[in-house]
N, C-alpha and C. Protein backbone atom coordinates (compact mmCIF):
# COMPACT_ATOMS: atom_id res chain seq x y z
N MET A 1 149.40 43.10 71.49
CA MET A 1 148.63 44.05 72.25
C MET A 1 148.73 45.45 71.65
N LYS A 2 149.87 45.79 71.02
CA LYS A 2 150.00 47.10 70.39
C LYS A 2 148.94 47.26 69.30
N ARG A 3 148.70 46.16 68.53
CA ARG A 3 147.71 46.19 67.46
C ARG A 3 146.34 46.53 68.00
N ARG A 4 145.95 45.88 69.09
CA ARG A 4 144.64 46.13 69.67
C ARG A 4 144.51 47.56 70.16
N LYS A 5 145.56 48.09 70.79
CA LYS A 5 145.52 49.46 71.29
C LYS A 5 145.39 50.44 70.14
N ALA A 6 146.18 50.22 69.08
CA ALA A 6 146.10 51.09 67.91
C ALA A 6 144.72 51.05 67.28
N LEU A 7 144.13 49.86 67.19
CA LEU A 7 142.80 49.74 66.59
C LEU A 7 141.73 50.39 67.45
N ILE A 8 141.87 50.27 68.74
CA ILE A 8 140.91 50.91 69.64
C ILE A 8 140.98 52.41 69.46
N ASN A 9 142.20 52.96 69.37
CA ASN A 9 142.36 54.40 69.13
C ASN A 9 141.80 54.78 67.77
N THR A 10 142.04 53.94 66.76
CA THR A 10 141.53 54.20 65.42
C THR A 10 140.00 54.20 65.43
N ALA A 11 139.41 53.28 66.17
CA ALA A 11 137.95 53.21 66.23
C ALA A 11 137.38 54.51 66.77
N GLY A 12 138.08 55.12 67.71
CA GLY A 12 137.64 56.41 68.23
C GLY A 12 137.65 57.45 67.13
N LEU A 13 138.68 57.40 66.27
CA LEU A 13 138.75 58.32 65.14
C LEU A 13 137.63 58.08 64.15
N ALA A 14 137.16 56.85 64.10
CA ALA A 14 136.11 56.49 63.15
C ALA A 14 134.74 57.00 63.57
N GLY A 15 134.67 57.67 64.69
CA GLY A 15 133.41 58.27 65.11
C GLY A 15 132.58 57.39 66.00
N ILE A 16 133.19 56.37 66.60
CA ILE A 16 132.44 55.50 67.49
C ILE A 16 132.31 56.19 68.83
N SER A 17 131.11 56.22 69.37
CA SER A 17 130.88 56.96 70.60
C SER A 17 131.65 56.39 71.77
N ALA A 18 131.97 57.26 72.72
CA ALA A 18 132.68 56.84 73.92
C ALA A 18 131.81 55.91 74.75
N LEU A 19 132.46 55.04 75.47
CA LEU A 19 131.73 54.07 76.29
C LEU A 19 131.35 54.65 77.63
N THR A 20 130.26 54.16 78.16
CA THR A 20 129.91 54.48 79.53
C THR A 20 130.63 53.52 80.43
N ALA A 21 130.68 53.80 81.72
CA ALA A 21 131.42 52.96 82.67
C ALA A 21 130.93 51.52 82.64
N LYS A 22 129.64 51.30 82.46
CA LYS A 22 129.12 49.94 82.49
C LYS A 22 129.42 49.15 81.20
N ASN A 23 129.87 49.81 80.13
CA ASN A 23 130.22 49.13 78.89
C ASN A 23 131.73 49.08 78.71
N ALA A 24 132.48 48.93 79.76
CA ALA A 24 133.94 48.98 79.71
C ALA A 24 134.53 47.92 78.80
N PHE A 25 135.77 48.15 78.39
CA PHE A 25 136.51 47.22 77.54
C PHE A 25 136.60 45.85 78.19
N THR A 26 136.30 44.81 77.41
CA THR A 26 136.46 43.45 77.89
C THR A 26 137.18 42.66 76.82
N ALA A 27 137.94 41.67 77.22
CA ALA A 27 138.67 40.85 76.26
C ALA A 27 138.60 39.40 76.68
N ASP A 28 138.58 38.52 75.70
CA ASP A 28 138.70 37.10 75.99
C ASP A 28 139.66 36.51 74.97
N ILE A 29 139.81 35.21 74.96
CA ILE A 29 140.79 34.57 74.08
C ILE A 29 140.42 34.75 72.62
N GLU A 30 139.14 34.75 72.27
CA GLU A 30 138.73 34.78 70.87
C GLU A 30 138.57 36.19 70.30
N THR A 31 138.04 37.12 71.06
CA THR A 31 137.81 38.45 70.53
C THR A 31 138.08 39.50 71.59
N ALA A 32 138.26 40.71 71.13
CA ALA A 32 138.31 41.86 72.03
C ALA A 32 137.15 42.76 71.62
N ARG A 33 136.48 43.33 72.58
CA ARG A 33 135.36 44.22 72.27
C ARG A 33 135.58 45.56 72.92
N PHE A 34 135.29 46.61 72.17
CA PHE A 34 135.38 47.97 72.68
C PHE A 34 134.18 48.68 72.07
N GLY A 35 133.13 48.88 72.83
CA GLY A 35 131.89 49.41 72.27
C GLY A 35 131.40 48.44 71.24
N ASN A 36 131.19 48.91 70.01
CA ASN A 36 130.77 47.99 68.96
C ASN A 36 131.90 47.64 68.02
N VAL A 37 133.15 47.82 68.48
CA VAL A 37 134.31 47.37 67.70
C VAL A 37 134.60 45.94 68.09
N ILE A 38 134.68 45.05 67.11
CA ILE A 38 134.99 43.65 67.36
C ILE A 38 136.32 43.36 66.71
N ILE A 39 137.30 42.97 67.52
CA ILE A 39 138.62 42.65 67.00
C ILE A 39 138.82 41.16 67.17
N PRO A 40 138.71 40.38 66.07
CA PRO A 40 138.82 38.93 66.20
C PRO A 40 140.23 38.49 66.56
N HIS A 41 140.33 37.34 67.18
CA HIS A 41 141.62 36.76 67.52
C HIS A 41 142.39 36.49 66.24
N GLU A 42 143.73 36.62 66.30
CA GLU A 42 144.59 36.45 65.14
C GLU A 42 144.29 35.19 64.34
N LYS A 43 144.01 34.06 65.02
CA LYS A 43 143.82 32.80 64.30
C LYS A 43 142.56 32.78 63.45
N GLU A 44 141.64 33.71 63.68
CA GLU A 44 140.39 33.75 62.93
C GLU A 44 140.45 34.69 61.72
N MET A 45 141.52 35.45 61.59
CA MET A 45 141.63 36.40 60.48
C MET A 45 141.50 35.67 59.15
N GLY A 46 140.69 36.20 58.26
CA GLY A 46 140.51 35.62 56.94
C GLY A 46 139.53 34.48 56.87
N LYS A 47 138.98 34.03 58.00
CA LYS A 47 138.03 32.93 58.01
C LYS A 47 136.63 33.43 58.34
N GLU A 48 136.42 34.70 58.38
CA GLU A 48 135.18 35.30 58.84
C GLU A 48 134.70 36.26 57.77
N LYS A 49 133.41 36.24 57.48
CA LYS A 49 132.87 37.07 56.40
C LYS A 49 132.93 38.57 56.67
N HIS A 50 133.17 38.97 57.91
CA HIS A 50 133.21 40.39 58.24
C HIS A 50 134.61 41.01 58.18
N VAL A 51 135.65 40.21 58.08
CA VAL A 51 137.01 40.73 58.12
C VAL A 51 137.34 41.44 56.80
N PRO A 52 137.75 42.72 56.88
CA PRO A 52 138.11 43.46 55.67
C PRO A 52 139.54 43.13 55.24
N ILE A 53 139.70 42.20 54.32
CA ILE A 53 141.01 41.73 53.89
C ILE A 53 141.71 42.81 53.06
N ILE A 54 142.97 43.08 53.41
CA ILE A 54 143.78 44.07 52.69
C ILE A 54 144.73 43.32 51.75
N ASP A 55 144.70 43.70 50.49
CA ASP A 55 145.63 43.17 49.50
C ASP A 55 146.57 44.31 49.13
N ALA A 56 147.83 44.23 49.59
CA ALA A 56 148.82 45.26 49.33
C ALA A 56 150.19 44.59 49.19
N PRO A 57 151.10 45.20 48.45
CA PRO A 57 152.44 44.63 48.35
C PRO A 57 153.14 44.69 49.71
N SER A 58 154.04 43.76 49.96
CA SER A 58 154.76 43.77 51.24
C SER A 58 155.93 44.74 51.22
N ARG A 59 156.42 45.10 50.02
CA ARG A 59 157.51 46.07 49.87
C ARG A 59 157.15 47.08 48.78
N VAL A 60 157.44 48.35 49.07
CA VAL A 60 157.17 49.42 48.11
C VAL A 60 158.33 50.41 48.14
N LYS A 61 158.34 51.33 47.18
CA LYS A 61 159.35 52.39 47.15
C LYS A 61 158.78 53.64 47.80
N ALA A 62 159.60 54.33 48.56
CA ALA A 62 159.16 55.53 49.28
C ALA A 62 158.57 56.56 48.33
N GLY A 63 157.38 57.05 48.69
CA GLY A 63 156.74 58.12 47.94
C GLY A 63 156.13 57.72 46.61
N GLU A 64 156.25 56.45 46.22
CA GLU A 64 155.66 56.01 44.95
C GLU A 64 154.32 55.34 45.21
N PRO A 65 153.30 55.69 44.41
CA PRO A 65 151.98 55.09 44.63
C PRO A 65 151.98 53.58 44.37
N PHE A 66 151.22 52.87 45.17
CA PHE A 66 150.98 51.45 44.98
C PHE A 66 149.51 51.20 45.25
N MET A 67 148.97 50.15 44.66
CA MET A 67 147.54 49.89 44.77
C MET A 67 147.24 49.02 46.00
N VAL A 68 146.21 49.42 46.71
CA VAL A 68 145.73 48.68 47.88
C VAL A 68 144.26 48.37 47.64
N THR A 69 143.88 47.11 47.85
CA THR A 69 142.48 46.70 47.75
C THR A 69 142.03 46.22 49.11
N VAL A 70 140.87 46.68 49.53
CA VAL A 70 140.24 46.21 50.76
C VAL A 70 138.91 45.61 50.36
N GLU A 71 138.70 44.36 50.79
CA GLU A 71 137.48 43.66 50.41
C GLU A 71 136.89 42.91 51.60
N VAL A 72 135.61 43.10 51.81
CA VAL A 72 134.89 42.37 52.85
C VAL A 72 134.20 41.20 52.16
N GLY A 73 134.35 40.01 52.73
CA GLY A 73 133.72 38.83 52.14
C GLY A 73 134.56 38.18 51.08
N LYS A 74 135.87 38.41 51.09
CA LYS A 74 136.75 37.82 50.07
C LYS A 74 136.80 36.30 50.18
N THR A 75 136.91 35.77 51.40
CA THR A 75 137.00 34.33 51.57
C THR A 75 135.65 33.68 51.89
N VAL A 76 134.80 34.42 52.58
CA VAL A 76 133.44 33.96 52.89
C VAL A 76 132.50 35.11 52.52
N PRO A 77 131.62 34.93 51.55
CA PRO A 77 130.76 36.03 51.10
C PRO A 77 129.91 36.64 52.23
N HIS A 78 129.83 37.96 52.21
CA HIS A 78 128.99 38.68 53.17
C HIS A 78 127.68 39.05 52.49
N PRO A 79 126.55 38.94 53.19
CA PRO A 79 125.27 39.35 52.59
C PRO A 79 125.29 40.82 52.19
N ASN A 80 124.50 41.16 51.19
CA ASN A 80 124.39 42.54 50.75
C ASN A 80 122.91 42.87 50.57
N THR A 81 122.17 42.76 51.66
CA THR A 81 120.74 43.05 51.65
C THR A 81 120.47 44.27 52.52
N VAL A 82 119.29 44.81 52.41
CA VAL A 82 118.92 45.96 53.24
C VAL A 82 119.02 45.59 54.71
N GLU A 83 118.68 44.35 55.04
CA GLU A 83 118.69 43.90 56.44
C GLU A 83 120.09 43.61 56.96
N HIS A 84 121.04 43.27 56.10
CA HIS A 84 122.39 42.88 56.54
C HIS A 84 123.39 43.26 55.45
N HIS A 85 124.17 44.31 55.71
CA HIS A 85 125.10 44.80 54.70
C HIS A 85 126.28 45.52 55.34
N ILE A 86 127.29 45.79 54.52
CA ILE A 86 128.45 46.57 54.95
C ILE A 86 128.15 48.03 54.65
N LYS A 87 128.27 48.87 55.67
CA LYS A 87 127.96 50.30 55.52
C LYS A 87 129.16 51.11 55.02
N TRP A 88 130.36 50.80 55.55
CA TRP A 88 131.54 51.53 55.13
C TRP A 88 132.81 50.74 55.39
N ILE A 89 133.86 51.15 54.68
CA ILE A 89 135.22 50.66 54.89
C ILE A 89 136.09 51.89 55.08
N GLN A 90 137.00 51.82 56.05
CA GLN A 90 137.97 52.90 56.26
C GLN A 90 139.36 52.29 56.24
N LEU A 91 140.31 52.99 55.61
CA LEU A 91 141.69 52.54 55.56
C LEU A 91 142.55 53.57 56.27
N TYR A 92 143.40 53.10 57.18
CA TYR A 92 144.29 53.95 57.97
C TYR A 92 145.72 53.48 57.79
N ALA A 93 146.67 54.39 58.03
CA ALA A 93 148.09 54.05 58.01
C ALA A 93 148.75 54.56 59.28
N LEU A 94 149.64 53.75 59.82
CA LEU A 94 150.43 54.13 60.98
C LEU A 94 151.89 53.91 60.62
N GLU A 95 152.64 55.03 60.45
CA GLU A 95 154.06 54.93 60.11
C GLU A 95 154.85 54.44 61.31
N GLU A 96 155.86 53.64 61.04
CA GLU A 96 156.74 53.14 62.09
C GLU A 96 157.35 54.33 62.84
N GLY A 97 157.26 54.28 64.15
CA GLY A 97 157.82 55.35 64.98
C GLY A 97 156.89 56.52 65.21
N SER A 98 155.74 56.53 64.57
CA SER A 98 154.78 57.62 64.74
C SER A 98 153.70 57.22 65.73
N GLN A 99 153.11 58.20 66.37
CA GLN A 99 151.99 57.93 67.25
C GLN A 99 150.67 58.32 66.60
N TYR A 100 150.73 58.81 65.35
CA TYR A 100 149.54 59.29 64.67
C TYR A 100 149.03 58.29 63.64
N VAL A 101 147.78 57.94 63.75
CA VAL A 101 147.11 57.09 62.78
C VAL A 101 146.44 58.02 61.77
N VAL A 102 146.73 57.82 60.49
CA VAL A 102 146.24 58.72 59.44
C VAL A 102 145.14 58.03 58.64
N ASN A 103 144.02 58.72 58.44
CA ASN A 103 142.94 58.20 57.61
C ASN A 103 143.34 58.35 56.15
N VAL A 104 143.50 57.22 55.46
CA VAL A 104 143.88 57.22 54.05
C VAL A 104 142.63 57.36 53.17
N GLY A 105 141.51 56.80 53.62
CA GLY A 105 140.28 56.90 52.84
C GLY A 105 139.10 56.30 53.57
N THR A 106 137.93 56.85 53.31
CA THR A 106 136.67 56.35 53.86
C THR A 106 135.71 56.16 52.69
N PHE A 107 135.07 54.99 52.66
CA PHE A 107 134.23 54.62 51.52
C PHE A 107 132.90 54.09 52.01
N GLU A 108 131.81 54.67 51.55
CA GLU A 108 130.47 54.23 51.95
C GLU A 108 129.88 53.32 50.88
N PHE A 109 129.07 52.36 51.35
CA PHE A 109 128.42 51.41 50.46
C PHE A 109 126.93 51.39 50.75
N PHE A 110 126.15 51.02 49.75
CA PHE A 110 124.71 50.97 49.88
C PHE A 110 124.23 49.56 49.56
N PRO A 111 123.31 49.04 50.36
CA PRO A 111 122.86 47.66 50.17
C PRO A 111 122.30 47.43 48.78
N THR A 112 122.59 46.29 48.26
CA THR A 112 122.16 45.75 46.97
C THR A 112 122.77 46.46 45.76
N PHE A 113 123.24 47.71 45.89
CA PHE A 113 123.76 48.47 44.75
C PHE A 113 125.28 48.46 44.64
N SER A 114 125.98 48.17 45.71
CA SER A 114 127.45 48.21 45.66
C SER A 114 128.04 47.05 46.46
N ALA A 115 129.21 46.63 46.04
CA ALA A 115 129.91 45.55 46.73
C ALA A 115 130.95 46.16 47.67
N PRO A 116 131.18 45.55 48.83
CA PRO A 116 132.14 46.10 49.78
C PRO A 116 133.59 45.78 49.40
N LYS A 117 134.03 46.44 48.34
CA LYS A 117 135.40 46.28 47.86
C LYS A 117 135.85 47.62 47.29
N VAL A 118 137.07 48.01 47.63
CA VAL A 118 137.60 49.27 47.14
C VAL A 118 139.08 49.11 46.84
N THR A 119 139.52 49.76 45.76
CA THR A 119 140.94 49.77 45.40
C THR A 119 141.36 51.22 45.24
N LEU A 120 142.50 51.57 45.86
CA LEU A 120 142.97 52.94 45.78
C LEU A 120 144.49 52.99 45.79
N PRO A 121 145.06 54.05 45.19
CA PRO A 121 146.51 54.22 45.25
C PRO A 121 146.90 54.83 46.60
N VAL A 122 147.97 54.31 47.17
CA VAL A 122 148.47 54.78 48.47
C VAL A 122 149.95 55.08 48.32
N MET A 123 150.44 56.09 49.05
CA MET A 123 151.87 56.42 49.06
C MET A 123 152.31 56.53 50.51
N ILE A 124 153.43 55.89 50.83
CA ILE A 124 153.99 56.01 52.18
C ILE A 124 155.47 56.35 52.06
N GLN A 125 156.02 56.95 53.11
CA GLN A 125 157.43 57.34 53.13
C GLN A 125 158.28 56.40 53.98
N LYS A 126 157.65 55.77 54.99
CA LYS A 126 158.35 54.90 55.93
C LYS A 126 157.59 53.59 56.05
N ASN A 127 158.26 52.58 56.65
CA ASN A 127 157.56 51.34 56.95
C ASN A 127 156.28 51.69 57.69
N SER A 128 155.18 51.06 57.29
CA SER A 128 153.88 51.40 57.87
C SER A 128 153.02 50.16 58.05
N THR A 129 152.05 50.28 58.93
CA THR A 129 151.01 49.27 59.06
C THR A 129 149.73 49.88 58.52
N LEU A 130 149.08 49.17 57.61
CA LEU A 130 147.79 49.59 57.08
C LEU A 130 146.71 48.88 57.88
N TYR A 131 145.72 49.62 58.34
CA TYR A 131 144.60 49.09 59.09
C TYR A 131 143.32 49.34 58.31
N ALA A 132 142.52 48.32 58.14
CA ALA A 132 141.20 48.49 57.52
C ALA A 132 140.15 48.21 58.57
N LEU A 133 139.15 49.06 58.61
CA LEU A 133 137.98 48.87 59.46
C LEU A 133 136.78 48.78 58.53
N GLU A 134 135.81 47.96 58.91
CA GLU A 134 134.55 47.93 58.16
C GLU A 134 133.42 47.89 59.17
N HIS A 135 132.28 48.44 58.76
CA HIS A 135 131.11 48.45 59.66
C HIS A 135 129.97 47.68 59.03
N CYS A 136 129.58 46.60 59.69
CA CYS A 136 128.39 45.83 59.30
C CYS A 136 127.22 46.38 60.09
N ASN A 137 126.10 46.61 59.42
CA ASN A 137 124.96 47.20 60.12
C ASN A 137 124.43 46.33 61.25
N LEU A 138 124.70 45.02 61.23
CA LEU A 138 124.24 44.14 62.30
C LEU A 138 125.33 43.76 63.31
N HIS A 139 126.57 43.66 62.85
CA HIS A 139 127.62 43.09 63.69
C HIS A 139 128.74 44.04 64.05
N GLY A 140 128.57 45.32 63.81
CA GLY A 140 129.54 46.30 64.26
C GLY A 140 130.79 46.39 63.39
N VAL A 141 131.87 46.86 64.01
CA VAL A 141 133.11 47.17 63.32
C VAL A 141 134.10 46.01 63.44
N TRP A 142 134.74 45.66 62.30
CA TRP A 142 135.73 44.60 62.25
C TRP A 142 136.99 45.17 61.63
N ASP A 143 138.14 44.52 61.88
CA ASP A 143 139.40 45.07 61.40
C ASP A 143 140.31 44.01 60.78
N TYR A 144 141.36 44.52 60.13
CA TYR A 144 142.43 43.69 59.61
C TYR A 144 143.62 44.62 59.40
N SER A 145 144.83 44.10 59.45
CA SER A 145 146.00 44.95 59.23
C SER A 145 147.10 44.18 58.51
N VAL A 146 147.94 44.93 57.79
CA VAL A 146 149.11 44.38 57.14
C VAL A 146 150.25 45.38 57.27
N LYS A 147 151.47 44.85 57.27
CA LYS A 147 152.66 45.70 57.32
C LYS A 147 153.21 45.85 55.92
N VAL A 148 153.64 47.07 55.60
CA VAL A 148 154.25 47.36 54.31
C VAL A 148 155.61 47.99 54.58
N GLU A 149 156.65 47.39 54.00
CA GLU A 149 158.02 47.90 54.19
C GLU A 149 158.38 48.81 53.03
N VAL A 150 159.17 49.84 53.34
CA VAL A 150 159.64 50.78 52.33
C VAL A 150 161.10 50.48 52.02
N GLU A 151 161.42 50.40 50.73
CA GLU A 151 162.82 50.13 50.30
C GLU A 151 163.60 51.42 50.25
């Protein structure tokens, strides 16, 4: 439940408009929805073309850069047409013990000209959870997260 709360807060940072009373948060066994944020159930992670898969080491050294790749459609290809495409990917970090979610990077993509994959160097000081959000023009925002430990 902490993951869902953090992602809902992160979605607000991503510029998603506030909900009206009639569009209140609802959850079921398979997904949680908050506005147009779709958070799939844990068992579906990696089996859906919209999930932004994070490839990062599980252990890193404090303050030293390491490479993180976020890719949409890694296991199941996502369309890249004008009618159906990934608009952006955002990467966030939440340090253990902190209440602040930090935007590490925001990347925009354009249909047919770019693939929804980005690799960037990241540096953390403490154990952290990396959260990736992606926005599909038809299916809203999807997420994925991984924990990275600092030696």
